[in-house]
């Protein structure tokens, strides 16, 4: 059983590493980033606090954004592109050094599961 678990973990980690890489320039908020090549990325399956608008929560949004920028801003991440959203952004799962960024943001309280789209992220379906 232990060997089987190790095998699964190695293969999951390996598959994340084999995903395409992009370098994140900065993150606008806790779920939207931009690469150095100009690609706008909407982090899949999560919903972070909004900076502006009717549902804004600027204090929480700034904390979420600042955490995300400190974690991946200026760094390479692996991504699994899922689709494009209505704003033309790439919707994707992100990984930094094998860490699932969506899970990390959820666990640290910087985002919530976006229930409408959680089926796009198998790693979050059991949350």
Protein backbone atom coordinates (compact mmCIF):
# COMPACT_ATOMS: atom_id res chain seq x y z
CA UNK A 1 0.00 0.00 0.00
CA UNK A 2 2.82 2.42 0.89
CA UNK A 3 4.65 1.73 -2.36
CA UNK A 4 1.43 2.22 -4.32
CA UNK A 5 0.85 5.59 -2.57
CA UNK A 6 4.41 6.69 -3.31
CA UNK A 7 3.95 5.64 -6.96
CA UNK A 8 0.77 7.72 -7.24
CA UNK A 9 2.39 10.77 -5.61
CA UNK A 10 5.43 10.56 -7.87
CA UNK A 11 3.24 10.27 -10.97
CA UNK A 12 0.97 13.15 -9.91
CA UNK A 13 4.00 15.33 -9.14
CA UNK A 14 5.70 14.30 -12.39
CA UNK A 15 2.61 15.10 -14.42
CA UNK A 16 2.49 18.62 -12.93
CA UNK A 17 6.14 19.18 -13.76
CA UNK A 18 5.57 18.02 -17.34
CA UNK A 19 2.92 20.68 -17.91
CA UNK A 20 3.84 23.77 -19.95
CA UNK A 21 5.57 26.59 -18.08
CA UNK A 22 4.86 30.29 -18.09
CA UNK A 23 6.46 33.12 -16.15
CA UNK A 24 3.99 35.18 -14.14
CA UNK A 25 4.56 38.92 -14.37
CA UNK A 26 2.03 39.85 -11.67
CA UNK A 27 -1.39 39.04 -10.28
CA UNK A 28 -4.17 41.62 -10.38
CA UNK A 29 -6.11 39.93 -7.60
CA UNK A 30 -6.26 36.52 -5.94
CA UNK A 31 -7.42 34.66 -9.04
CA UNK A 32 -6.22 36.65 -12.07
CA UNK A 33 -2.61 36.92 -13.26
CA UNK A 34 -0.69 38.04 -16.32
CA UNK A 35 2.39 36.43 -17.84
CA UNK A 36 5.43 38.23 -19.22
CA UNK A 37 4.16 37.35 -22.71
CA UNK A 38 0.84 39.11 -22.02
CA UNK A 39 -1.35 36.04 -21.52
CA UNK A 40 -4.06 36.76 -18.95
CA UNK A 41 -4.78 33.79 -16.71
CA UNK A 42 -7.89 33.20 -14.62
CA UNK A 43 -7.01 30.63 -11.97
CA UNK A 44 -9.55 27.84 -12.37
CA UNK A 45 -12.11 26.59 -9.85
CA UNK A 46 -11.58 29.25 -7.19
CA UNK A 47 -13.10 32.62 -6.43
CA UNK A 48 -11.00 35.21 -4.61
CA UNK A 49 -12.32 38.47 -3.11
CA UNK A 50 -12.95 41.28 -5.61
CA UNK A 51 -11.06 44.59 -5.61
CA UNK A 52 -13.85 46.57 -7.31
CA UNK A 53 -17.53 46.32 -8.03
CA UNK A 54 -20.72 45.55 -6.11
CA UNK A 55 -19.26 42.53 -4.34
CA UNK A 56 -15.89 44.09 -3.61
CA UNK A 57 -13.97 43.36 -0.43
CA UNK A 58 -10.81 45.42 -0.98
CA UNK A 59 -9.00 44.49 2.25
CA UNK A 60 -9.40 40.73 1.69
CA UNK A 61 -8.71 41.15 -2.05
CA UNK A 62 -5.42 42.96 -1.39
CA UNK A 63 -4.32 40.26 1.07
CA UNK A 64 -5.15 37.54 -1.45
CA UNK A 65 -3.41 39.38 -4.30
CA UNK A 66 -0.32 40.16 -2.24
CA UNK A 67 0.01 36.56 -1.10
CA UNK A 68 -0.34 35.27 -4.65
CA UNK A 69 2.20 37.80 -5.98
CA UNK A 70 4.69 36.84 -3.26
CA UNK A 71 4.24 33.16 -4.16
CA UNK A 72 4.31 33.25 -7.97
CA UNK A 73 4.95 36.83 -9.13
CA UNK A 74 8.09 36.94 -11.27
CA UNK A 75 8.36 33.14 -11.15
CA UNK A 76 7.77 30.24 -13.50
CA UNK A 77 4.72 28.07 -12.92
CA UNK A 78 3.34 25.02 -14.63
CA UNK A 79 -0.16 25.36 -15.96
CA UNK A 80 -2.91 23.11 -17.23
CA UNK A 81 -4.95 25.16 -19.66
CA UNK A 82 -8.66 24.31 -19.49
CA UNK A 83 -10.50 26.85 -21.63
CA UNK A 84 -10.93 30.57 -22.36
CA UNK A 85 -13.46 32.62 -20.41
CA UNK A 86 -15.83 35.26 -21.75
CA UNK A 87 -13.14 37.94 -21.21
CA UNK A 88 -10.58 36.06 -23.31
CA UNK A 89 -8.51 34.96 -20.32
CA UNK A 90 -6.97 31.51 -20.19
CA UNK A 91 -8.65 29.48 -17.45
CA UNK A 92 -6.02 27.18 -15.97
CA UNK A 93 -4.81 25.25 -12.98
CA UNK A 94 -1.42 26.48 -11.77
CA UNK A 95 1.38 24.61 -10.03
CA UNK A 96 4.54 25.99 -8.42
CA UNK A 97 7.20 23.41 -7.53
CA UNK A 98 4.50 20.72 -7.53
CA UNK A 99 2.17 22.73 -5.25
CA UNK A 100 -1.38 23.11 -6.54
CA UNK A 101 -1.91 26.87 -6.26
CA UNK A 102 -5.71 26.57 -6.13
CA UNK A 103 -5.50 24.23 -3.11
CA UNK A 104 -2.92 26.46 -1.46
CA UNK A 105 -5.14 29.55 -1.77
CA UNK A 106 -8.13 27.62 -0.44
CA UNK A 107 -6.22 26.14 2.50
CA UNK A 108 -4.82 29.53 3.50
CA UNK A 109 -8.25 31.20 3.30
CA UNK A 110 -7.42 33.53 0.38
CA UNK A 111 -10.10 32.06 -1.90
CA UNK A 112 -13.21 29.90 -1.94
CA UNK A 113 -14.21 27.06 -4.22
CA UNK A 114 -16.11 28.28 -7.28
CA UNK A 115 -18.78 25.59 -7.12
CA UNK A 116 -20.13 26.27 -10.61
CA UNK A 117 -16.77 25.31 -12.17
CA UNK A 118 -15.16 22.97 -9.62
CA UNK A 119 -15.71 19.98 -11.93
CA UNK A 120 -12.93 21.41 -14.14
CA UNK A 121 -10.39 20.68 -11.38
CA UNK A 122 -10.38 17.00 -10.39
CA UNK A 123 -7.96 17.75 -7.54
CA UNK A 124 -10.64 19.92 -5.87
CA UNK A 125 -13.70 17.77 -6.46
CA UNK A 126 -13.48 16.19 -3.01
CA UNK A 127 -13.48 19.52 -1.16
